[in-house]
Protein backbone atom coordinates (compact mmCIF):
# COMPACT_ATOMS: atom_id res chain seq x y z
CA UNK A 1 -11.07 19.49 -6.86
CA UNK A 2 -10.50 21.40 -3.69
CA UNK A 3 -13.44 20.31 -2.87
CA UNK A 4 -12.85 16.61 -3.59
CA UNK A 5 -9.38 16.83 -1.25
CA UNK A 6 -11.23 18.59 1.63
CA UNK A 7 -13.68 16.00 1.98
CA UNK A 8 -11.30 12.98 1.67
CA UNK A 9 -9.92 15.04 4.47
CA UNK A 10 -13.07 15.31 6.62
CA UNK A 11 -13.44 11.10 5.85
CA UNK A 12 -9.85 10.54 7.25
CA UNK A 13 -9.95 12.77 10.84
CA UNK A 14 -13.76 10.57 11.03
CA UNK A 15 -12.30 7.06 10.20
CA UNK A 16 -9.61 7.93 12.77
CA UNK A 17 -11.91 8.97 15.90
CA UNK A 18 -13.54 5.65 15.06
CA UNK A 19 -11.00 3.64 15.29
CA UNK A 20 -10.00 5.32 18.17
CA UNK A 21 -13.06 4.63 19.82
CA UNK A 22 -14.26 7.99 20.02
CA UNK A 23 -17.44 7.47 17.47
CA UNK A 24 -18.05 3.75 19.17
CA UNK A 25 -20.14 1.40 16.91
CA UNK A 26 -23.92 2.40 17.22
CA UNK A 27 -23.65 5.93 18.21
CA UNK A 28 -24.95 8.61 16.26
CA UNK A 29 -22.49 11.18 14.53
CA UNK A 30 -22.97 14.98 15.12
CA UNK A 31 -25.14 17.16 13.03
CA UNK A 32 -24.26 18.24 9.34
CA UNK A 33 -24.33 21.65 10.84
CA UNK A 34 -21.88 20.86 13.85
CA UNK A 35 -19.42 18.83 11.32
CA UNK A 36 -19.21 21.55 9.10
CA UNK A 37 -18.20 23.78 11.43
CA UNK A 38 -15.98 21.76 13.62
CA UNK A 39 -14.11 20.87 9.83
CA UNK A 40 -14.35 24.62 9.07
CA UNK A 41 -15.64 23.16 5.32
CA UNK A 42 -19.17 23.72 3.45
CA UNK A 43 -22.43 21.55 4.20
CA UNK A 44 -21.62 19.98 0.77
CA UNK A 45 -18.74 18.76 1.78
CA UNK A 46 -19.50 16.74 4.67
CA UNK A 47 -22.64 15.41 2.36
CA UNK A 48 -19.83 14.31 0.30
CA UNK A 49 -17.68 12.88 3.62
CA UNK A 50 -20.66 10.86 4.63
CA UNK A 51 -21.50 9.13 1.47
CA UNK A 52 -17.65 7.73 1.29
CA UNK A 53 -18.48 6.46 4.96
CA UNK A 54 -21.18 5.08 3.99
CA UNK A 55 -19.65 3.17 0.95
CA UNK A 56 -16.71 1.92 3.00
CA UNK A 57 -19.24 0.56 5.16
CA UNK A 58 -18.20 3.22 7.86
CA UNK A 59 -21.27 4.52 8.95
CA UNK A 60 -25.44 3.73 8.41
CA UNK A 61 -27.81 6.68 7.30
CA UNK A 62 -30.83 6.85 8.58
CA UNK A 63 -33.32 9.29 7.02
CA UNK A 64 -34.65 11.32 9.23
CA UNK A 65 -32.96 10.00 12.05
CA UNK A 66 -29.04 10.65 11.58
CA UNK A 67 -25.77 8.80 10.87
CA UNK A 68 -24.84 5.88 12.78
CA UNK A 69 -21.13 4.06 13.18
CA UNK A 70 -21.59 0.69 11.63
CA UNK A 71 -19.57 -2.26 13.37
CA UNK A 72 -16.24 -2.67 11.81
CA UNK A 73 -16.70 -6.06 10.69
CA UNK A 74 -13.37 -6.48 9.33
CA UNK A 75 -11.48 -5.59 12.22
CA UNK A 76 -13.65 -7.27 14.26
CA UNK A 77 -12.95 -10.46 12.27
CA UNK A 78 -9.70 -12.47 12.40
CA UNK A 79 -7.65 -12.95 9.16
CA UNK A 80 -5.04 -14.68 8.16
CA UNK A 81 -2.00 -12.83 8.43
CA UNK A 82 -1.14 -11.42 4.44
CA UNK A 83 2.15 -12.81 3.36
CA UNK A 84 5.29 -10.95 1.35
CA UNK A 85 4.48 -13.52 -1.88
CA UNK A 86 0.69 -12.51 -1.73
CA UNK A 87 0.68 -8.63 -1.22
CA UNK A 88 3.07 -8.49 -3.97
CA UNK A 89 1.11 -11.25 -6.51
CA UNK A 90 -1.99 -8.49 -5.59
CA UNK A 91 0.34 -5.30 -6.53
CA UNK A 92 1.34 -6.81 -9.75
CA UNK A 93 -2.43 -7.66 -11.05
CA UNK A 94 -3.34 -3.81 -9.45
CA UNK A 95 -0.61 -1.74 -10.69
CA UNK A 96 -0.29 -3.00 -13.87
CA UNK A 97 -3.47 -2.78 -14.72
CA UNK A 98 -3.02 0.73 -13.15
CA UNK A 99 -0.11 1.86 -15.13
CA UNK A 100 -1.58 0.82 -18.71
CA UNK A 101 -4.37 2.77 -17.75
CA UNK A 102 -2.16 5.89 -16.54
CA UNK A 103 -0.35 5.15 -20.08
CA UNK A 104 -3.51 6.98 -21.74
CA UNK A 105 -4.42 9.18 -19.12
CA UNK A 106 -1.47 10.85 -17.67
CA UNK A 107 -1.09 14.49 -17.86
CA UNK A 108 2.41 16.88 -19.13
CA UNK A 109 2.55 18.24 -15.16
CA UNK A 110 1.95 14.37 -13.51
CA UNK A 111 4.82 12.88 -16.02
CA UNK A 112 7.36 15.84 -14.42
CA UNK A 113 6.35 15.17 -10.86
CA UNK A 114 6.62 10.91 -11.99
CA UNK A 115 9.79 12.08 -13.53
CA UNK A 116 11.06 13.71 -10.29
CA UNK A 117 10.04 11.27 -8.16
CA UNK A 118 12.65 8.69 -10.82
CA UNK A 119 14.97 11.34 -10.17
CA UNK A 120 14.66 10.49 -6.12
CA UNK A 121 14.99 6.71 -6.74
CA UNK A 122 18.80 7.51 -7.90
CA UNK A 123 19.84 7.56 -4.02
CA UNK A 124 19.55 5.41 -1.11
CA UNK A 125 18.34 8.18 1.02
CA UNK A 126 15.02 9.09 -0.52
CA UNK A 127 14.88 5.79 -2.51
CA UNK A 128 12.04 3.97 -0.26
CA UNK A 129 9.76 7.74 -0.29
CA UNK A 130 11.02 8.40 -4.03
CA UNK A 131 9.26 4.61 -4.92
CA UNK A 132 6.11 4.53 -2.85
CA UNK A 133 5.52 8.68 -4.79
CA UNK A 134 6.49 7.11 -8.12
CA UNK A 135 3.35 4.38 -7.33
CA UNK A 136 0.89 6.90 -6.18
CA UNK A 137 1.12 9.36 -8.95
CA UNK A 138 0.42 6.51 -11.52
CA UNK A 139 -2.48 4.93 -9.45
CA UNK A 140 -4.01 8.96 -9.43
CA UNK A 141 -3.06 9.04 -12.84
CA UNK A 142 -5.86 7.01 -13.95
CA UNK A 143 -8.91 9.32 -12.42
CA UNK A 144 -9.88 6.02 -10.94
CA UNK A 145 -10.44 6.38 -7.02
CA UNK A 146 -11.32 2.97 -6.17
CA UNK A 147 -7.71 2.06 -8.02
CA UNK A 148 -6.66 4.97 -5.82
CA UNK A 149 -7.48 3.64 -2.91
CA UNK A 150 -6.77 -0.07 -3.80
CA UNK A 151 -2.67 0.88 -4.10
CA UNK A 152 -3.23 3.23 -1.02
CA UNK A 153 -3.91 -0.09 0.72
CA UNK A 154 -1.14 -1.86 -0.87
CA UNK A 155 0.78 0.11 0.24
CA UNK A 156 -0.31 0.54 4.02
CA UNK A 157 -0.23 -2.97 4.33
CA UNK A 158 3.61 -2.63 2.68
CA UNK A 159 4.77 -0.42 5.54
CA UNK A 160 2.35 -1.53 8.71
CA UNK A 161 3.12 -5.67 8.47
CA UNK A 162 6.80 -6.39 10.27
CA UNK A 163 7.10 -9.96 8.34
CA UNK A 164 6.20 -8.02 4.83
CA UNK A 165 8.54 -5.11 6.02
CA UNK A 166 11.67 -6.89 6.35
CA UNK A 167 11.22 -9.44 3.71
CA UNK A 168 11.25 -5.96 1.56
CA UNK A 169 13.87 -4.76 3.18
CA UNK A 170 16.19 -7.68 2.63
CA UNK A 171 15.66 -7.38 -1.08
CA UNK A 172 15.26 -3.62 -2.21
CA UNK A 173 18.58 -3.02 -0.34
CA UNK A 174 20.25 -5.20 -2.16
CA UNK A 175 18.77 -4.50 -6.09
CA UNK A 176 18.99 -0.93 -6.11
CA UNK A 177 20.32 -0.11 -9.23
CA UNK A 178 18.21 -3.49 -10.55
CA UNK A 179 14.68 -1.14 -9.00
CA UNK A 180 16.06 1.85 -10.57
CA UNK A 181 16.33 0.48 -14.06
CA UNK A 182 12.86 -1.15 -13.52
CA UNK A 183 11.03 1.57 -12.91
CA UNK A 184 12.81 3.56 -16.14
CA UNK A 185 11.52 1.08 -18.32
CA UNK A 186 7.72 2.03 -16.86
CA UNK A 187 8.05 5.62 -16.96
CA UNK A 188 9.46 5.47 -20.40
CA UNK A 189 6.62 3.19 -21.21
CA UNK A 190 3.90 5.62 -19.87
CA UNK A 191 5.60 8.91 -21.17
CA UNK A 192 5.40 7.36 -24.73
CA UNK A 193 1.50 6.58 -23.92
CA UNK A 194 1.93 3.26 -24.63
CA UNK A 195 -0.07 0.69 -22.63
CA UNK A 196 0.92 -2.56 -23.69
CA UNK A 197 4.29 -1.98 -22.68
CA UNK A 198 3.67 0.17 -19.17
CA UNK A 199 1.81 -3.02 -17.74
CA UNK A 200 4.79 -5.33 -19.31
CA UNK A 201 6.91 -2.87 -17.64
CA UNK A 202 4.92 -3.28 -14.47
CA UNK A 203 4.72 -7.26 -14.50
CA UNK A 204 8.09 -7.48 -15.06
CA UNK A 205 9.17 -5.22 -12.19
CA UNK A 206 7.11 -7.77 -9.78
CA UNK A 207 8.35 -10.29 -11.25
CA UNK A 208 11.86 -9.58 -10.70
CA UNK A 209 10.42 -8.71 -6.73
CA UNK A 210 8.73 -11.93 -6.18
CA UNK A 211 11.77 -13.99 -7.22
CA UNK A 212 13.96 -12.53 -5.32
CA UNK A 213 11.45 -12.77 -1.90
CA UNK A 214 11.79 -16.81 -3.07
CA UNK A 215 15.13 -16.61 -2.80
CA UNK A 216 15.77 -14.72 0.44
CA UNK A 217 13.29 -16.79 1.90
CA UNK A 218 15.05 -20.21 0.80
CA UNK A 219 18.42 -18.44 1.85
CA UNK A 220 16.99 -18.30 5.41
CA UNK A 221 14.97 -21.77 5.26
CA UNK A 222 18.66 -23.07 4.27
CA UNK A 223 20.56 -20.82 7.10
CA UNK A 224 17.52 -22.32 9.65
CA UNK A 225 18.32 -26.10 8.73
CA UNK A 226 21.75 -25.40 9.17
CA UNK A 227 21.32 -24.02 12.44
CA UNK A 228 19.63 -26.97 13.58
CA UNK A 229 21.76 -29.23 12.10
CA UNK A 230 24.87 -27.97 14.18
CA UNK A 231 22.37 -27.67 17.29
CA UNK A 232 22.03 -31.60 16.74
CA UNK A 233 25.68 -32.37 16.32
CA UNK A 234 26.98 -30.91 19.24
CA UNK A 235 24.49 -32.32 21.28
CA UNK A 236 25.03 -36.14 19.96
CA UNK A 237 28.80 -35.53 19.05
CA UNK A 238 30.79 -38.33 21.09
CA UNK A 239 34.03 -36.13 21.15
CA UNK A 240 32.96 -34.37 24.08
CA UNK A 241 32.54 -37.67 25.61
CA UNK A 242 36.36 -38.39 25.31
CA UNK A 243 37.46 -35.08 26.10
CA UNK A 244 39.62 -35.86 29.79
C-alpha cells in the first residue's frame, strides 16, 4: 500500500512538471536512477510511476532509448464545455455503481471514516469538504483504481469549472438537510452491505440534484426574460413622452 501511494505521488509530481512545460512534448525524462534520487524513492517505484504515466498517455517508453513525453492530445484539442447537467448525469452513472461495489467490499475502518465524513456534513462550515471526502472513501472502497481515477476527475470538474461551481452552489446551499438525509441513506445501505440499496440511494441523490439544477436554471431563465421585458417596456413606453 505504501509503495502504491509513493508511485502515485511521483506520477502527480511528474504530470505537474509536464503541465508546466518543464518537460515538453518530445523531450526525454531523466534516467530512472536520477528520478529515484530526486524523489527519494526506489527504482521499482519509479518504474511503476512510468507505467502509470504510459497508461495515461503522458509518456512513451522507447526500448534502449528512454522515456519520452508525448503530446497531450486532450489538452491540445479544444473540447466543448461540460455543463452541470452532463457532469451530474455522469456522476450518477459512475458513483451509483461505485456505491454498489463498495457495499460488497468496504472494510470496517472505511465505514468508520465514511461515518465521520457523514457527521462532517452536518455543519455548513465543513459540509462541502465532507461531501467530497464521503464520495472519495466510497470510490476507494471499490478496490478499483480506474473507478477511483474516474471519480477524482469528475470531482475535479465539479471544483474547477466556473459554470459548474456556480450551478452547484445555487442548489447545494439551499438543501443542506436534504443532502444530509440522502447521504445518510447511502451510508446505511453500504453499512448493511446492500448493493442494490446503495445503488438506488445514490441514484436518488443525483436525481434530486439534477432536478434542482433544472429548477434553478428555469428560475434564472425566467428572471432574464423579465429583465429583458422590463427593458423593452421602458424603451417603448410612451408615458415618458407625455411628461412635461
